């Protein structure tokens, strides 16, 4: 076990470099998590009201769980900030962040742990605890320790770091008259009062009951305000934005009729999901739903695929078979990329829409079909008509009930809901459980332009789940692997938590240096190569340390090194 003199905290520059104030946007960042700078007296008022309302015992549990979550989130930063230091030096991220945030001044007195074996024992002195001071101001001297939020923080941080349940207990508290606070942490099962300590970290049953009643009341109010509102939402779809609800309202109205529907929108907006929702909410829901991507079928086979073929109609037609329309009889057929239909297929489709009948290829027998047609395209059909690519009479027949599905960038408020939906899907698929996306990653996803729409978002979430370990937050690099490229759309966003605290090269502090650099013969690539080489020399070849010196992430520096080698 290390003595106090051996437990010197490393320099905190790497932690301070993770803090960024975005005053123009009203945000503070610690790495990729959004933070708040609030008055300690405000926290004191919250503590006081919790104690007076819930009682000291329940308030203690609430504040410990609050602190536990904060410690757990901070523990995720360890591997990113100090990947090359010893386990002990990396562990000190927690106590140092505790001090940086103004909660308490931490000094380690004893610390011994083995992550692989799961062994942990630690003792720390706490000086100037904000929680102890506030409690004494509001309630006077206490007969028991009161640094509940901070005990929760230490427990949550160490539990995440060790990979097993570690609980801290405050054995001396300044609020009770001690010169300073003192805490001890060890595995939960090593405490004699384990059950009592663990109870504080369990959800409060009374609080849960109150939240459940509040939720039920909210639902009742919503139902009274807009009866039948749930009917506006498509089955298997996610969203609450006005643009999405407008689409749902149109589809609900169309579902009660036999009208042909034309879905318009960019690629990836979820046209097939809307078509399925239309089918499932109609009186045809117990009949087949057949989806066809017209662009995937060769033009010389499209008629046979859609309308069927008789034996011997052409070489290879060795037997008669029904087409997609006959399979969908009584139900719904979804024709995606309908603009890709051949001229003959367009003529046959027009007859089906007008007369409700068709003839198989190579047959002279007319067959009746009862099929609702839902067509979709991401092209402008009116322009296709003008260009002679699409029949005008078919366009007018399809365009009876057009529905424009908005792109994802026009329904950004649905992105958090879609993220949760896809996280649930891929957590189950890959048997993993992440902690969701970081605050910075969510902000970036909200501001991204989404050329691939919902399909692109789903692919990003799947990638993020694959690249992120269990019980970790998905960071921005997991979504945007090429973020270091200047051409990436997200580089227009002012990224936080990655910047060096040193003045930028282009700041007003070095105008003469800039003038010299932009002189004759200047090469930006050569300057970057020299800066990287100098940083590597200063870091003795350690790429992670060099990246910190340059104010970039390790993957960004590795990318630049790879690009230099390739050049």
Protein backbone atom coordinates (compact mmCIF):
# COMPACT_ATOMS: atom_id res chain seq x y z
CA UNK A 1 0.00 0.00 0.00
CA UNK A 2 1.39 3.39 -1.03
CA UNK A 3 2.12 5.99 1.62
CA UNK A 4 0.93 9.57 1.46
CA UNK A 5 4.25 10.91 0.21
CA UNK A 6 4.12 8.50 -2.75
CA UNK A 7 0.65 9.66 -3.78
CA UNK A 8 1.45 12.80 -5.68
CA UNK A 9 -1.13 13.81 -8.26
CA UNK A 10 0.17 14.34 -11.81
CA UNK A 11 -0.03 17.75 -13.47
CA UNK A 12 -3.58 18.77 -14.36
CA UNK A 13 -2.85 20.48 -17.66
CA UNK A 14 -4.29 17.58 -19.65
CA UNK A 15 -7.54 17.88 -17.69
CA UNK A 16 -7.76 21.66 -18.02
CA UNK A 17 -7.27 21.31 -21.78
CA UNK A 18 -10.52 19.32 -21.91
CA UNK A 19 -12.55 22.29 -20.60
CA UNK A 20 -13.94 24.71 -23.16
CA UNK A 21 -16.18 27.73 -22.69
CA UNK A 22 -18.42 28.55 -25.67
CA UNK A 23 -19.73 31.87 -24.44
CA UNK A 24 -21.30 32.74 -27.78
CA UNK A 25 -23.49 29.61 -27.56
CA UNK A 26 -23.99 29.49 -23.81
CA UNK A 27 -22.25 26.13 -23.34
CA UNK A 28 -19.41 24.67 -21.30
CA UNK A 29 -17.76 21.37 -22.28
CA UNK A 30 -15.65 18.84 -20.43
CA UNK A 31 -14.32 16.57 -23.14
CA UNK A 32 -17.56 15.65 -24.97
CA UNK A 33 -19.95 16.19 -22.05
CA UNK A 34 -21.87 19.42 -21.56
CA UNK A 35 -21.33 20.96 -18.12
CA UNK A 36 -23.00 23.64 -16.00
CA UNK A 37 -21.44 26.38 -13.88
CA UNK A 38 -23.92 27.12 -11.11
CA UNK A 39 -23.84 28.83 -7.73
CA UNK A 40 -22.88 26.68 -4.76
CA UNK A 41 -25.67 28.46 -2.87
CA UNK A 42 -28.11 27.14 -5.47
CA UNK A 43 -26.99 23.60 -4.71
CA UNK A 44 -27.34 24.44 -1.05
CA UNK A 45 -30.94 25.54 -1.57
CA UNK A 46 -31.65 22.31 -3.45
CA UNK A 47 -30.15 20.23 -0.62
CA UNK A 48 -32.13 22.14 1.96
CA UNK A 49 -35.45 21.71 0.17
CA UNK A 50 -34.79 18.00 -0.44
CA UNK A 51 -34.02 17.44 3.24
CA UNK A 52 -37.05 19.43 4.41
CA UNK A 53 -39.38 17.80 1.86
CA UNK A 54 -38.18 14.19 1.71
CA UNK A 55 -36.37 13.92 5.01
CA UNK A 56 -32.63 13.53 5.53
CA UNK A 57 -32.56 9.81 4.75
CA UNK A 58 -34.29 10.04 1.37
CA UNK A 59 -32.44 13.25 0.45
CA UNK A 60 -29.16 11.45 1.16
CA UNK A 61 -30.09 8.65 -1.24
CA UNK A 62 -31.19 11.10 -3.95
CA UNK A 63 -27.96 13.12 -3.74
CA UNK A 64 -25.76 10.02 -3.61
CA UNK A 65 -27.35 8.68 -6.77
CA UNK A 66 -26.93 12.10 -8.38
CA UNK A 67 -23.23 12.13 -7.50
CA UNK A 68 -22.81 8.48 -8.53
CA UNK A 69 -23.95 9.30 -12.07
CA UNK A 70 -21.55 12.27 -12.27
CA UNK A 71 -18.63 10.14 -11.11
CA UNK A 72 -19.51 7.38 -13.56
CA UNK A 73 -19.55 9.85 -16.48
CA UNK A 74 -16.20 11.37 -15.46
CA UNK A 75 -14.61 7.92 -15.27
CA UNK A 76 -15.16 7.52 -19.00
CA UNK A 77 -12.72 10.35 -19.62
CA UNK A 78 -9.81 8.50 -17.99
CA UNK A 79 -8.73 6.43 -20.98
CA UNK A 80 -9.04 9.39 -23.35
CA UNK A 81 -7.09 11.89 -21.29
CA UNK A 82 -4.33 9.70 -19.84
CA UNK A 83 -3.92 6.63 -22.05
CA UNK A 84 -0.15 6.44 -21.56
CA UNK A 85 0.16 6.97 -17.80
CA UNK A 86 0.17 4.32 -15.12
CA UNK A 87 -3.14 3.03 -13.78
CA UNK A 88 -2.58 4.97 -10.56
CA UNK A 89 -1.84 8.26 -12.32
CA UNK A 90 -4.82 7.74 -14.61
CA UNK A 91 -7.04 6.99 -11.60
CA UNK A 92 -6.25 10.42 -10.17
CA UNK A 93 -8.35 11.99 -12.95
CA UNK A 94 -11.33 11.55 -10.62
CA UNK A 95 -9.95 13.32 -7.53
CA UNK A 96 -8.46 16.05 -9.70
CA UNK A 97 -11.72 16.65 -11.58
CA UNK A 98 -13.44 16.73 -8.19
CA UNK A 99 -11.15 19.63 -7.26
CA UNK A 100 -11.30 21.38 -10.66
CA UNK A 101 -15.10 21.48 -10.44
CA UNK A 102 -14.86 23.26 -7.08
CA UNK A 103 -16.41 20.45 -5.03
CA UNK A 104 -13.55 19.63 -2.68
CA UNK A 105 -9.77 19.65 -2.40
CA UNK A 106 -8.67 15.99 -2.44
CA UNK A 107 -5.49 14.54 -0.96
CA UNK A 108 -4.77 10.83 -1.12
CA UNK A 109 -3.43 9.26 2.08
CA UNK A 110 -3.54 5.54 1.16
CA UNK A 111 -4.24 3.87 -2.16
CA UNK A 112 -3.80 0.28 -3.26
CA UNK A 113 -5.59 -1.40 -6.12
CA UNK A 114 -5.27 -4.15 -8.69
CA UNK A 115 -7.74 -3.76 -11.55
CA UNK A 116 -7.20 -7.27 -12.89
CA UNK A 117 -7.80 -8.87 -9.49
CA UNK A 118 -10.54 -6.37 -8.57
CA UNK A 119 -8.82 -5.41 -5.29
CA UNK A 120 -9.21 -1.83 -4.06
CA UNK A 121 -8.57 0.12 -0.90
CA UNK A 122 -8.28 3.89 -0.72
CA UNK A 123 -8.31 6.64 1.90
CA UNK A 124 -8.55 10.32 1.05
CA UNK A 125 -8.67 13.57 2.99
CA UNK A 126 -11.17 16.16 1.81
CA UNK A 127 -10.54 19.84 2.53
CA UNK A 128 -13.01 22.70 2.07
CA UNK A 129 -15.93 20.51 1.04
CA UNK A 130 -18.66 22.75 -0.37
CA UNK A 131 -21.28 20.29 0.85
CA UNK A 132 -20.08 20.30 4.43
CA UNK A 133 -19.91 24.10 4.51
CA UNK A 134 -23.43 24.52 3.06
CA UNK A 135 -24.89 22.01 5.49
CA UNK A 136 -23.40 23.79 8.50
CA UNK A 137 -24.76 27.12 7.25
CA UNK A 138 -28.29 25.71 6.88
CA UNK A 139 -28.50 23.21 9.75
CA UNK A 140 -25.55 23.81 12.08
CA UNK A 141 -23.31 21.00 13.32
CA UNK A 142 -24.34 17.56 12.14
CA UNK A 143 -24.20 14.32 14.09
CA UNK A 144 -23.44 12.32 10.91
CA UNK A 145 -21.42 12.85 7.69
CA UNK A 146 -23.22 14.96 5.07
CA UNK A 147 -21.03 14.99 1.91
CA UNK A 148 -23.53 12.76 0.15
CA UNK A 149 -23.12 13.97 -3.44
CA UNK A 150 -19.36 13.63 -3.24
CA UNK A 151 -19.48 10.17 -1.67
CA UNK A 152 -21.74 9.14 -4.54
CA UNK A 153 -19.27 10.66 -7.01
CA UNK A 154 -16.31 8.77 -5.55
CA UNK A 155 -18.28 5.51 -5.52
CA UNK A 156 -19.55 5.89 -9.09
CA UNK A 157 -16.14 6.92 -10.43
CA UNK A 158 -14.27 4.08 -8.78
CA UNK A 159 -16.91 1.48 -9.61
CA UNK A 160 -16.63 2.32 -13.30
CA UNK A 161 -12.83 2.44 -13.16
CA UNK A 162 -12.47 -0.88 -11.32
CA UNK A 163 -15.25 -2.72 -13.12
CA UNK A 164 -16.83 -3.84 -9.83
CA UNK A 165 -18.90 -2.27 -7.07
CA UNK A 166 -16.75 0.00 -4.86
CA UNK A 167 -18.42 2.00 -2.11
CA UNK A 168 -16.92 4.93 -0.22
CA UNK A 169 -17.93 5.90 3.29
CA UNK A 170 -17.27 9.23 4.99
CA UNK A 171 -15.80 8.41 8.40
CA UNK A 172 -15.12 12.02 9.44
CA UNK A 173 -16.89 15.19 8.29
CA UNK A 174 -16.17 18.86 8.80
CA UNK A 175 -19.91 19.44 9.15
CA UNK A 176 -19.72 17.38 12.35
CA UNK A 177 -16.80 19.36 13.80
CA UNK A 178 -13.83 17.40 12.37
CA UNK A 179 -10.90 19.49 11.06
CA UNK A 180 -11.53 18.05 7.60
CA UNK A 181 -13.46 15.24 5.95
CA UNK A 182 -11.98 11.76 5.53
CA UNK A 183 -13.29 8.95 3.34
CA UNK A 184 -12.53 5.24 2.90
CA UNK A 185 -13.37 3.18 -0.16
CA UNK A 186 -13.35 -0.58 -0.67
CA UNK A 187 -15.38 -3.30 -2.41
CA UNK A 188 -19.02 -3.33 -1.36
CA UNK A 189 -18.90 -6.83 0.13
CA UNK A 190 -16.06 -5.85 2.48
CA UNK A 191 -18.31 -3.43 4.39
CA UNK A 192 -20.16 -4.93 7.34
CA UNK A 193 -23.18 -2.74 6.58
CA UNK A 194 -23.10 -3.54 2.84
CA UNK A 195 -26.88 -3.86 2.48
CA UNK A 196 -27.52 -0.50 4.13
CA UNK A 197 -24.88 1.26 2.03
CA UNK A 198 -26.10 -0.25 -1.24
CA UNK A 199 -29.66 0.73 -0.45
CA UNK A 200 -28.77 4.39 -0.99
CA UNK A 201 -27.83 3.66 -4.60
CA UNK A 202 -31.12 1.91 -5.39
CA UNK A 203 -34.07 3.86 -6.84
CA UNK A 204 -36.35 5.24 -4.15
CA UNK A 205 -39.68 3.34 -4.33
CA UNK A 206 -41.65 6.38 -3.15
CA UNK A 207 -39.94 8.60 -5.70
CA UNK A 208 -40.65 6.02 -8.40
CA UNK A 209 -44.29 5.92 -7.38
CA UNK A 210 -44.53 9.71 -7.54
CA UNK A 211 -42.91 9.77 -10.98
CA UNK A 212 -45.25 7.00 -12.18
CA UNK A 213 -48.32 8.91 -10.97
CA UNK A 214 -47.03 12.09 -12.58
CA UNK A 215 -46.50 10.23 -15.85
CA UNK A 216 -50.02 8.79 -15.74
CA UNK A 217 -51.46 12.26 -15.08
CA UNK A 218 -49.50 13.70 -17.98
CA UNK A 219 -50.78 10.97 -20.29
CA UNK A 220 -54.37 11.59 -19.20
CA UNK A 221 -54.00 15.29 -19.89
CA UNK A 222 -52.54 14.62 -23.32
CA UNK A 223 -55.39 12.25 -24.16
CA UNK A 224 -57.97 14.85 -23.12
CA UNK A 225 -56.29 17.59 -25.13
CA UNK A 226 -56.03 15.59 -28.35
CA UNK A 227 -58.15 12.46 -28.42
CA UNK A 228 -56.97 10.07 -31.09
CA UNK A 229 -53.56 11.70 -31.42
CA UNK A 230 -51.86 8.30 -31.29
CA UNK A 231 -53.75 7.35 -34.45
CA UNK A 232 -51.69 9.96 -36.28
CA UNK A 233 -48.46 8.07 -35.66
CA UNK A 234 -47.40 5.44 -38.13
CA UNK A 235 -46.76 1.92 -36.96
CA UNK A 236 -43.04 1.11 -36.63
CA UNK A 237 -42.12 4.78 -37.06
CA UNK A 238 -40.51 7.26 -34.69
CA UNK A 239 -41.04 10.99 -34.44
CA UNK A 240 -42.95 13.82 -32.80
CA UNK A 241 -41.98 16.81 -34.95
CA UNK A 242 -44.72 18.87 -36.65
CA UNK A 243 -43.41 17.87 -40.09
CA UNK A 244 -43.56 14.17 -39.17
CA UNK A 245 -47.02 14.50 -37.62
CA UNK A 246 -48.27 16.18 -40.79
CA UNK A 247 -47.15 13.14 -42.81
CA UNK A 248 -48.82 10.83 -40.30
CA UNK A 249 -52.05 12.79 -40.53
CA UNK A 250 -52.09 12.56 -44.34
CA UNK A 251 -51.35 8.83 -44.27
CA UNK A 252 -54.08 8.21 -41.69
CA UNK A 253 -56.59 9.95 -43.95
CA UNK A 254 -55.42 7.99 -46.97
CA UNK A 255 -55.57 4.66 -45.12
CA UNK A 256 -59.34 4.84 -44.78
CA UNK A 257 -59.77 4.97 -48.58
CA UNK A 258 -58.50 3.07 -51.64
CA UNK A 259 -56.68 6.05 -53.11
CA UNK A 260 -53.31 5.60 -54.82
CA UNK A 261 -50.57 7.34 -52.84
CA UNK A 262 -47.38 8.89 -54.23
CA UNK A 263 -44.60 9.25 -51.66
CA UNK A 264 -41.97 11.84 -52.52
CA UNK A 265 -38.76 12.57 -50.70
CA UNK A 266 -35.00 12.23 -50.72
CA UNK A 267 -33.28 8.88 -50.52
CA UNK A 268 -33.23 7.39 -47.05
CA UNK A 269 -36.18 9.33 -45.59
CA UNK A 270 -38.10 6.13 -44.84
CA UNK A 271 -40.60 5.88 -47.68
CA UNK A 272 -41.04 2.11 -47.25
CA UNK A 273 -41.66 2.57 -43.51
CA UNK A 274 -44.40 5.07 -44.34
CA UNK A 275 -45.87 2.70 -46.95
CA UNK A 276 -45.95 -0.14 -44.43
CA UNK A 277 -47.55 2.17 -41.89
CA UNK A 278 -50.24 3.06 -44.42
CA UNK A 279 -50.90 -0.63 -45.07
CA UNK A 280 -50.96 -1.60 -41.39
CA UNK A 281 -53.41 1.18 -40.51
CA UNK A 282 -55.80 0.34 -43.34
CA UNK A 283 -58.52 -2.31 -43.60
CA UNK A 284 -56.10 -4.29 -45.77
CA UNK A 285 -53.69 -4.93 -42.90
CA UNK A 286 -54.49 -8.66 -42.80
CA UNK A 287 -53.65 -9.02 -46.51
CA UNK A 288 -50.19 -9.07 -48.18
CA UNK A 289 -47.82 -6.12 -48.35
CA UNK A 290 -45.40 -6.50 -51.28
CA UNK A 291 -42.46 -4.12 -51.71
CA UNK A 292 -40.70 -3.77 -55.06
CA UNK A 293 -37.66 -1.67 -55.92
CA UNK A 294 -38.15 -1.02 -59.60
CA UNK A 295 -34.55 0.14 -60.03
CA UNK A 296 -33.24 -3.31 -59.04
CA UNK A 297 -35.06 -5.24 -61.78
CA UNK A 298 -33.64 -5.34 -65.35
CA UNK A 299 -35.91 -3.47 -67.80
CA UNK A 300 -36.53 -6.60 -69.91
CA UNK A 301 -37.78 -8.50 -66.84
CA UNK A 302 -39.78 -5.80 -65.07
CA UNK A 303 -43.09 -6.69 -66.74
CA UNK A 304 -42.76 -10.37 -65.90
CA UNK A 305 -41.81 -9.56 -62.30
CA UNK A 306 -44.70 -7.18 -61.75
CA UNK A 307 -47.50 -8.71 -63.81
CA UNK A 308 -46.52 -12.39 -64.13
CA UNK A 309 -45.50 -14.58 -67.04
CA UNK A 310 -46.92 -17.57 -68.92
CA UNK A 311 -44.86 -20.62 -69.76
CA UNK A 312 -43.02 -20.22 -73.07
CA UNK A 313 -43.54 -16.45 -73.25
CA UNK A 314 -39.79 -16.02 -73.74
CA UNK A 315 -36.60 -18.01 -73.47
CA UNK A 316 -36.21 -19.10 -69.87
CA UNK A 317 -39.91 -18.95 -69.03
CA UNK A 318 -40.17 -22.68 -68.28
CA UNK A 319 -43.30 -22.36 -66.18
CA UNK A 320 -46.13 -19.98 -65.52
CA UNK A 321 -45.92 -17.83 -62.43
CA UNK A 322 -47.78 -14.97 -60.90
CA UNK A 323 -46.28 -11.49 -60.58
CA UNK A 324 -46.02 -9.09 -57.68
CA UNK A 325 -49.45 -7.60 -58.30
CA UNK A 326 -51.19 -10.98 -58.08
CA UNK A 327 -49.28 -11.78 -54.88
CA UNK A 328 -50.47 -8.49 -53.42
CA UNK A 329 -54.10 -9.10 -54.40
CA UNK A 330 -56.36 -7.76 -51.68
CA UNK A 331 -53.45 -5.93 -50.08
CA UNK A 332 -50.90 -3.24 -50.90
CA UNK A 333 -48.01 -3.05 -53.35
CA UNK A 334 -45.21 -0.56 -52.80
CA UNK A 335 -43.40 0.49 -55.97
CA UNK A 336 -40.18 2.22 -55.01
CA UNK A 337 -38.25 4.18 -57.66
CA UNK A 338 -41.31 3.99 -59.93
CA UNK A 339 -39.62 6.39 -62.35
CA UNK A 340 -37.36 3.49 -63.44
CA UNK A 341 -40.26 1.51 -64.99
CA UNK A 342 -39.89 0.72 -68.69
CA UNK A 343 -42.38 2.34 -71.11
CA UNK A 344 -44.29 -0.96 -71.57
CA UNK A 345 -44.44 -1.50 -67.80
CA UNK A 346 -45.74 2.06 -67.36
CA UNK A 347 -48.54 1.37 -69.82
CA UNK A 348 -49.50 -1.87 -68.07
CA UNK A 349 -49.41 -0.17 -64.66
CA UNK A 350 -51.74 2.55 -65.96
CA UNK A 351 -54.24 -0.10 -67.03
CA UNK A 352 -54.06 -1.78 -63.63
CA UNK A 353 -54.75 1.54 -61.93
CA UNK A 354 -57.63 2.48 -64.21
CA UNK A 355 -59.31 -0.88 -64.82
CA UNK A 356 -58.09 -3.08 -61.97
CA UNK A 357 -56.98 -5.82 -64.39
CA UNK A 358 -53.81 -7.13 -66.02
CA UNK A 359 -52.49 -9.71 -68.44
CA UNK A 360 -49.43 -11.83 -67.77
CA UNK A 361 -46.60 -11.63 -70.26
CA UNK A 362 -47.35 -14.10 -73.07
CA UNK A 363 -50.99 -14.54 -72.06
CA UNK A 364 -54.24 -13.18 -73.51
CA UNK A 365 -56.33 -13.82 -70.45
CA UNK A 366 -57.39 -10.84 -68.35
CA UNK A 367 -57.10 -11.20 -64.58
CA UNK A 368 -58.82 -8.96 -62.05
CA UNK A 369 -56.74 -7.66 -59.14
CA UNK A 370 -57.67 -5.54 -56.14
CA UNK A 371 -54.46 -3.84 -55.07
CA UNK A 372 -53.76 -0.49 -53.48
CA UNK A 373 -50.68 1.05 -55.12
CA UNK A 374 -48.23 3.13 -53.12
CA UNK A 375 -45.56 4.55 -55.41
CA UNK A 376 -42.40 6.35 -54.37
CA UNK A 377 -39.58 8.25 -55.99
CA UNK A 378 -36.76 10.56 -54.99
CA UNK A 379 -36.78 12.17 -58.43
CA UNK A 380 -39.04 14.96 -59.67
CA UNK A 381 -41.71 13.07 -61.65
CA UNK A 382 -42.97 16.27 -63.30
CA UNK A 383 -39.48 16.88 -64.64
CA UNK A 384 -39.32 13.25 -65.79
CA UNK A 385 -42.58 13.79 -67.70
CA UNK A 386 -41.14 16.90 -69.38
CA UNK A 387 -38.02 14.95 -70.31
CA UNK A 388 -40.10 12.18 -71.88
CA UNK A 389 -38.93 9.60 -69.33
CA UNK A 390 -42.31 9.11 -67.67
CA UNK A 391 -45.84 9.01 -69.05
CA UNK A 392 -47.90 12.10 -68.24
CA UNK A 393 -51.17 10.14 -67.89
CA UNK A 394 -49.54 7.71 -65.45
CA UNK A 395 -48.10 10.60 -63.46
CA UNK A 396 -51.54 12.20 -63.08
CA UNK A 397 -53.00 8.83 -62.03
CA UNK A 398 -50.29 8.31 -59.40
CA UNK A 399 -50.38 11.90 -58.18
CA UNK A 400 -53.92 11.72 -56.80
CA UNK A 401 -52.69 11.80 -53.20
CA UNK A 402 -49.07 13.02 -53.04
CA UNK A 403 -47.26 12.97 -49.69
CA UNK A 404 -43.93 14.77 -49.29
CA UNK A 405 -41.78 13.12 -46.62
CA UNK A 406 -39.46 15.75 -45.12
CA UNK A 407 -35.71 15.14 -44.98
CA UNK A 408 -34.15 14.51 -41.59
CA UNK A 409 -32.56 17.97 -41.49
CA UNK A 410 -36.09 19.46 -41.46
CA UNK A 411 -37.20 17.33 -38.48
CA UNK A 412 -34.12 17.61 -36.28
CA UNK A 413 -36.22 17.38 -33.10
CA UNK A 414 -36.88 13.73 -34.02
CA UNK A 415 -33.18 12.83 -34.06
CA UNK A 416 -32.90 12.07 -30.28
CA UNK A 417 -35.96 9.78 -30.54
CA UNK A 418 -34.52 8.04 -33.60
CA UNK A 419 -31.17 7.62 -31.84
CA UNK A 420 -32.86 5.90 -28.88
CA UNK A 421 -34.84 3.69 -31.27
CA UNK A 422 -31.76 2.57 -33.20
CA UNK A 423 -29.70 2.16 -30.04
CA UNK A 424 -32.30 -0.27 -28.72
CA UNK A 425 -32.27 -2.15 -32.00
CA UNK A 426 -28.49 -2.55 -32.21
CA UNK A 427 -27.98 -3.14 -28.50
CA UNK A 428 -30.19 -6.19 -28.94
CA UNK A 429 -28.60 -7.22 -32.23
CA UNK A 430 -25.02 -7.08 -30.96
CA UNK A 431 -25.81 -8.03 -27.36
CA UNK A 432 -24.19 -4.84 -26.05
CA UNK A 433 -25.25 -1.98 -23.84
CA UNK A 434 -23.71 1.46 -24.36
CA UNK A 435 -24.50 4.56 -22.32
CA UNK A 436 -25.90 6.40 -25.32
CA UNK A 437 -24.16 9.21 -27.18
CA UNK A 438 -22.03 11.96 -25.66
CA UNK A 439 -23.44 15.47 -25.39
CA UNK A 440 -21.03 16.76 -28.04
CA UNK A 441 -21.85 13.86 -30.36
CA UNK A 442 -25.58 14.55 -29.97
CA UNK A 443 -25.07 18.22 -30.73
CA UNK A 444 -23.07 17.33 -33.82
CA UNK A 445 -25.73 14.89 -34.99
CA UNK A 446 -28.37 17.58 -34.53
CA UNK A 447 -26.41 20.06 -36.67
CA UNK A 448 -25.32 17.63 -39.39
CA UNK A 449 -27.08 18.07 -42.76
CA UNK A 450 -27.88 14.34 -43.27
CA UNK A 451 -27.55 13.79 -47.03
CA UNK A 452 -28.46 10.13 -46.42
CA UNK A 453 -31.32 10.98 -44.01
CA UNK A 454 -32.67 8.31 -41.62
CA UNK A 455 -30.82 5.48 -43.35
CA UNK A 456 -27.53 7.31 -42.79
CA UNK A 457 -28.41 7.93 -39.13
CA UNK A 458 -29.20 4.27 -38.60
CA UNK A 459 -25.89 3.25 -40.18
CA UNK A 460 -24.03 5.71 -37.94
CA UNK A 461 -25.70 4.38 -34.80
CA UNK A 462 -24.87 0.80 -35.78
CA UNK A 463 -21.24 1.80 -36.33
CA UNK A 464 -21.17 3.62 -32.98
CA UNK A 465 -22.52 0.58 -31.12
CA UNK A 466 -19.95 -1.69 -32.80
CA UNK A 467 -16.99 0.58 -31.99
CA UNK A 468 -17.98 1.39 -28.40
CA UNK A 469 -17.31 -0.90 -25.44
CA UNK A 470 -20.05 -1.97 -23.07
CA UNK A 471 -21.05 0.67 -20.50
CA UNK A 472 -19.22 3.43 -22.39
CA UNK A 473 -20.59 6.52 -24.08
CA UNK A 474 -20.45 6.68 -27.88
CA UNK A 475 -18.09 9.52 -28.84
CA UNK A 476 -18.17 11.70 -31.91
CA UNK A 477 -15.28 9.89 -33.65
CA UNK A 478 -17.31 6.67 -33.67
CA UNK A 479 -19.90 8.40 -35.86
CA UNK A 480 -17.60 10.47 -38.07
CA UNK A 481 -14.34 8.57 -38.72
CA UNK A 482 -13.11 11.19 -41.20
CA UNK A 483 -13.70 14.13 -38.88
CA UNK A 484 -10.05 15.18 -39.16
CA UNK A 485 -10.54 15.94 -42.84
CA UNK A 486 -11.13 19.68 -43.42
CA UNK A 487 -13.76 18.85 -46.04
CA UNK A 488 -16.01 17.01 -43.59
CA UNK A 489 -19.34 18.84 -43.05
CA UNK A 490 -19.04 18.70 -39.27
CA UNK A 491 -15.87 20.76 -39.28
CA UNK A 492 -18.08 23.80 -39.70
CA UNK A 493 -19.20 23.12 -36.14
CA UNK A 494 -16.98 24.53 -33.42
CA UNK A 495 -15.91 21.31 -31.68
CA UNK A 496 -15.36 21.43 -27.95
CA UNK A 497 -13.27 19.52 -25.48
CA UNK A 498 -10.40 18.99 -27.92
CA UNK A 499 -8.72 22.35 -27.98
CA UNK A 500 -5.41 23.21 -26.43
CA UNK A 501 -5.50 25.96 -23.78
CA UNK A 502 -2.59 27.63 -25.57
CA UNK A 503 -3.32 30.50 -28.00
CA UNK A 504 -4.04 29.34 -31.51
CA UNK A 505 -1.39 29.94 -34.13
CA UNK A 506 -3.66 32.32 -35.99
CA UNK A 507 -4.61 34.47 -32.97
CA UNK A 508 -3.86 38.15 -32.82
CA UNK A 509 -0.96 37.45 -30.44
CA UNK A 510 1.35 36.46 -33.32
CA UNK A 511 0.62 38.81 -36.29
CA UNK A 512 4.31 39.17 -37.16
CA UNK A 513 4.81 35.41 -37.14
CA UNK A 514 1.84 34.98 -39.49
CA UNK A 515 3.25 37.59 -41.85
CA UNK A 516 6.58 35.74 -41.93
CA UNK A 517 4.95 32.36 -42.51
CA UNK A 518 2.94 33.72 -45.44
CA UNK A 519 6.05 35.01 -47.13
CA UNK A 520 7.42 33.73 -50.39
CA UNK A 521 7.85 29.97 -50.60
CA UNK A 522 5.44 29.17 -47.75
CA UNK A 523 4.12 25.56 -47.67
CA UNK A 524 1.33 24.60 -45.26
CA UNK A 525 2.11 20.89 -45.66
CA UNK A 526 5.77 21.47 -44.85
CA UNK A 527 4.87 23.53 -41.77
CA UNK A 528 2.49 20.82 -40.54
CA UNK A 529 5.17 18.16 -41.04
CA UNK A 530 7.71 20.21 -39.08
CA UNK A 531 5.25 20.82 -36.22
CA UNK A 532 4.41 17.12 -36.02
CA UNK A 533 8.07 16.12 -36.07
CA UNK A 534 8.91 18.62 -33.31
CA UNK A 535 5.98 17.41 -31.17
CA UNK A 536 7.06 13.78 -31.58
CA UNK A 537 10.61 14.69 -30.56
CA UNK A 538 9.37 16.50 -27.45
CA UNK A 539 7.15 13.52 -26.60
CA UNK A 540 9.99 11.00 -27.20
CA UNK A 541 7.99 9.38 -29.97
CA UNK A 542 4.80 8.98 -27.92
CA UNK A 543 1.98 9.67 -30.38
CA UNK A 544 -0.66 10.31 -27.69
CA UNK A 545 1.55 12.84 -25.88
CA UNK A 546 2.45 14.52 -29.18
CA UNK A 547 -1.25 14.79 -30.03
CA UNK A 548 -1.88 16.58 -26.72
CA UNK A 549 0.96 19.01 -27.47
CA UNK A 550 -0.59 19.78 -30.84
CA UNK A 551 -4.12 20.10 -29.45
CA UNK A 552 -5.56 17.28 -31.58
CA UNK A 553 -6.79 13.77 -30.85
CA UNK A 554 -4.58 10.73 -31.25
CA UNK A 555 -6.61 9.41 -34.26
CA UNK A 556 -6.28 12.81 -35.95
CA UNK A 557 -2.51 12.81 -35.50
CA UNK A 558 -2.26 9.17 -36.63
CA UNK A 559 -4.20 10.09 -39.77
CA UNK A 560 -1.83 12.96 -40.55
CA UNK A 561 1.21 10.72 -40.01
CA UNK A 562 -0.27 8.10 -42.32
CA UNK A 563 -0.95 10.78 -44.96
CA UNK A 564 2.64 12.01 -44.69
CA UNK A 565 4.01 8.46 -45.09
CA UNK A 566 1.80 7.91 -48.13
CA UNK A 567 3.02 11.14 -49.65
